[in-house]
Amino acid sequence: MTAIVQIRKTLDLFRPRKASLKLGLSPEDAAHELTEICFKATKFQETAHQLATDNKTERTSSAIVDVIEEGKYEILRLAINDDLSEKYKFQLRSYKKYDQLQKFLESIFQ
């Protein structure tokens, strides 16, 4: 099995089980939730890098980098509940990278 297939399958382990970022959270609660989600995304990235290494695949190859970035983005995006997503739908559509989306979410909960 290729590293990319293994990484994509591993993503299931890190996807949030519920959309915990929602309207009405206090700044402290939102910061806590965002920290937890970002921790999952970081752990996914570390696991993906290890899978790439184990498969003797270059961790910096564009395909590996892309699948990791997409996975991190998906983890963060799935943590946003429907009400929050609806309120900020136009802004959320403009963020295609994990880091951009993370910064935006941090800014709305401050």
C-alpha atoms as a PDB file:
ATOM      1  CA  MET A   1       0.000   0.000   0.000  1.00  0.00           C
ATOM      2  CA  THR A   2       1.370   3.392  -0.870  1.00  0.00           C
ATOM      3  CA  ALA A   3       2.084   6.027   1.740  1.00  0.00           C
ATOM      4  CA  ILE A   4      -0.629   8.317   0.367  1.00  0.00           C
ATOM      5  CA  VAL A   5      -3.317   5.640   0.688  1.00  0.00           C
ATOM      6  CA  GLN A   6      -2.181   4.843   4.229  1.00  0.00           C
ATOM      7  CA  ILE A   7      -2.184   8.531   5.168  1.00  0.00           C
ATOM      8  CA  ARG A   8      -5.703   9.007   3.811  1.00  0.00           C
ATOM      9  CA  LYS A   9      -6.933   5.969   5.741  1.00  0.00           C
ATOM     10  CA  THR A  10      -5.229   7.232   8.894  1.00  0.00           C
ATOM     11  CA  LEU A  11      -7.097  10.533   8.602  1.00  0.00           C
ATOM     12  CA  ASP A  12     -10.250   8.745   9.830  1.00  0.00           C
ATOM     13  CA  LEU A  13      -8.613   8.312  13.227  1.00  0.00           C
ATOM     14  CA  PHE A  14      -8.106  12.062  13.619  1.00  0.00           C
ATOM     15  CA  ARG A  15     -11.374  13.455  12.264  1.00  0.00           C
ATOM     16  CA  PRO A  16     -13.441  15.174  14.954  1.00  0.00           C
ATOM     17  CA  ARG A  17     -16.425  13.139  16.146  1.00  0.00           C
ATOM     18  CA  LYS A  18     -18.448  16.305  16.683  1.00  0.00           C
ATOM     19  CA  ALA A  19     -18.399  19.868  15.458  1.00  0.00           C
ATOM     20  CA  SER A  20     -17.217  21.560  18.649  1.00  0.00           C
ATOM     21  CA  LEU A  21     -16.590  25.057  17.264  1.00  0.00           C
ATOM     22  CA  LYS A  22     -19.934  26.790  17.463  1.00  0.00           C
ATOM     23  CA  LEU A  23     -21.590  30.126  17.983  1.00  0.00           C
ATOM     24  CA  GLY A  24     -21.888  31.262  21.581  1.00  0.00           C
ATOM     25  CA  LEU A  25     -18.628  29.821  22.886  1.00  0.00           C
ATOM     26  CA  SER A  26     -16.758  32.020  25.307  1.00  0.00           C
ATOM     27  CA  PRO A  27     -13.287  33.071  24.121  1.00  0.00           C
ATOM     28  CA  GLU A  28     -11.764  30.680  26.668  1.00  0.00           C
ATOM     29  CA  ASP A  29     -13.904  27.726  25.581  1.00  0.00           C
ATOM     30  CA  ALA A  30     -13.272  28.464  21.917  1.00  0.00           C
ATOM     31  CA  ALA A  31      -9.525  28.685  22.537  1.00  0.00           C
ATOM     32  CA  HIS A  32      -9.640  25.346  24.351  1.00  0.00           C
ATOM     33  CA  GLU A  33     -11.602  23.660  21.558  1.00  0.00           C
ATOM     34  CA  LEU A  34      -9.339  25.125  18.887  1.00  0.00           C
ATOM     35  CA  THR A  35      -6.251  23.948  20.779  1.00  0.00           C
ATOM     36  CA  GLU A  36      -7.663  20.420  20.968  1.00  0.00           C
ATOM     37  CA  ILE A  37      -8.475  20.368  17.263  1.00  0.00           C
ATOM     38  CA  CYS A  38      -5.076  21.753  16.293  1.00  0.00           C
ATOM     39  CA  PHE A  39      -3.451  19.115  18.491  1.00  0.00           C
ATOM     40  CA  LYS A  40      -5.287  16.425  16.495  1.00  0.00           C
ATOM     41  CA  ALA A  41      -4.143  18.013  13.240  1.00  0.00           C
ATOM     42  CA  THR A  42      -0.539  18.069  14.464  1.00  0.00           C
ATOM     43  CA  LYS A  43      -0.727  14.434  15.543  1.00  0.00           C
ATOM     44  CA  PHE A  44      -2.151  13.549  12.121  1.00  0.00           C
ATOM     45  CA  GLN A  45       0.780  15.344  10.477  1.00  0.00           C
ATOM     46  CA  GLU A  46       3.321  13.518  12.663  1.00  0.00           C
ATOM     47  CA  THR A  47       1.676  10.166  11.939  1.00  0.00           C
ATOM     48  CA  ALA A  48       1.600  10.919   8.209  1.00  0.00           C
ATOM     49  CA  HIS A  49       5.289  11.807   8.235  1.00  0.00           C
ATOM     50  CA  GLN A  50       6.060   8.537   9.997  1.00  0.00           C
ATOM     51  CA  LEU A  51       4.009   6.574   7.457  1.00  0.00           C
ATOM     52  CA  ALA A  52       5.877   8.272   4.631  1.00  0.00           C
ATOM     53  CA  THR A  53       9.211   7.430   6.258  1.00  0.00           C
ATOM     54  CA  ASP A  54       8.162   3.826   6.874  1.00  0.00           C
ATOM     55  CA  ASN A  55       7.216   3.512   3.194  1.00  0.00           C
ATOM     56  CA  LYS A  56      10.525   5.032   2.130  1.00  0.00           C
ATOM     57  CA  THR A  57       8.680   7.948   0.593  1.00  0.00           C
ATOM     58  CA  GLU A  58      10.180  11.421   0.695  1.00  0.00           C
ATOM     59  CA  ARG A  59       8.290  13.383   3.362  1.00  0.00           C
ATOM     60  CA  THR A  60       8.728  16.567   1.373  1.00  0.00           C
ATOM     61  CA  SER A  61       7.386  15.230  -1.924  1.00  0.00           C
ATOM     62  CA  SER A  62       4.601  17.441  -3.220  1.00  0.00           C
ATOM     63  CA  ALA A  63       2.055  14.606  -3.119  1.00  0.00           C
ATOM     64  CA  ILE A  64       2.776  13.844   0.548  1.00  0.00           C
ATOM     65  CA  VAL A  65       2.791  17.530   1.506  1.00  0.00           C
ATOM     66  CA  ASP A  66      -0.532  18.054  -0.300  1.00  0.00           C
ATOM     67  CA  VAL A  67      -2.308  15.086   1.275  1.00  0.00           C
ATOM     68  CA  ILE A  68      -1.128  16.165   4.743  1.00  0.00           C
ATOM     69  CA  GLU A  69      -2.280  19.758   4.198  1.00  0.00           C
ATOM     70  CA  GLU A  70      -5.658  18.546   2.920  1.00  0.00           C
ATOM     71  CA  GLY A  71      -6.025  16.262   5.928  1.00  0.00           C
ATOM     72  CA  LYS A  72      -5.197  18.977   8.453  1.00  0.00           C
ATOM     73  CA  TYR A  73      -7.626  21.334   6.723  1.00  0.00           C
ATOM     74  CA  GLU A  74     -10.354  18.681   6.787  1.00  0.00           C
ATOM     75  CA  ILE A  75      -9.826  18.045  10.512  1.00  0.00           C
ATOM     76  CA  LEU A  76     -10.246  21.739  11.239  1.00  0.00           C
ATOM     77  CA  ARG A  77     -13.165  22.247   8.832  1.00  0.00           C
ATOM     78  CA  LEU A  78     -15.122  19.302  10.251  1.00  0.00           C
ATOM     79  CA  ALA A  79     -14.880  20.833  13.735  1.00  0.00           C
ATOM     80  CA  ILE A  80     -16.999  23.830  12.659  1.00  0.00           C
ATOM     81  CA  ASN A  81     -20.687  23.330  13.354  1.00  0.00           C
ATOM     82  CA  ASP A  82     -23.425  24.240  10.888  1.00  0.00           C
ATOM     83  CA  ASP A  83     -24.531  27.498  12.549  1.00  0.00           C
ATOM     84  CA  LEU A  84     -20.997  28.896  12.623  1.00  0.00           C
ATOM     85  CA  SER A  85     -20.416  27.669   9.105  1.00  0.00           C
ATOM     86  CA  GLU A  86     -23.571  29.378   7.879  1.00  0.00           C
ATOM     87  CA  LYS A  87     -22.785  32.676   9.589  1.00  0.00           C
ATOM     88  CA  TYR A  88     -19.286  32.849   8.094  1.00  0.00           C
ATOM     89  CA  LYS A  89     -19.873  30.878   4.895  1.00  0.00           C
ATOM     90  CA  PHE A  90     -18.411  33.484   2.551  1.00  0.00           C
ATOM     91  CA  GLN A  91     -15.268  33.938   4.619  1.00  0.00           C
ATOM     92  CA  LEU A  92     -14.835  30.203   5.164  1.00  0.00           C
ATOM     93  CA  ARG A  93     -14.996  29.570   1.430  1.00  0.00           C
ATOM     94  CA  SER A  94     -12.044  31.873   0.891  1.00  0.00           C
ATOM     95  CA  TYR A  95      -9.695  29.925   3.195  1.00  0.00           C
ATOM     96  CA  LYS A  96      -8.231  26.890   1.474  1.00  0.00           C
ATOM     97  CA  LYS A  97      -5.223  26.283   3.739  1.00  0.00           C
ATOM     98  CA  TYR A  98      -5.149  24.997   7.297  1.00  0.00           C
ATOM     99  CA  ASP A  99      -3.057  27.891   8.668  1.00  0.00           C
ATOM    100  CA  GLN A 100      -5.326  30.508   7.098  1.00  0.00           C
ATOM    101  CA  LEU A 101      -8.465  28.869   8.470  1.00  0.00           C
ATOM    102  CA  GLN A 102      -6.923  28.480  11.915  1.00  0.00           C
ATOM    103  CA  LYS A 103      -6.018  32.171  12.067  1.00  0.00           C
ATOM    104  CA  PHE A 104      -9.498  33.173  10.922  1.00  0.00           C
ATOM    105  CA  LEU A 105     -11.154  31.018  13.576  1.00  0.00           C
ATOM    106  CA  GLU A 106      -8.878  32.433  16.245  1.00  0.00           C
ATOM    107  CA  SER A 107      -9.825  35.957  15.167  1.00  0.00           C
ATOM    108  CA  ILE A 108     -13.597  35.439  15.373  1.00  0.00           C
ATOM    109  CA  PHE A 109     -13.464  33.982  18.875  1.00  0.00           C
ATOM    110  CA  GLN A 110     -11.315  36.700  20.464  1.00  0.00           C
END
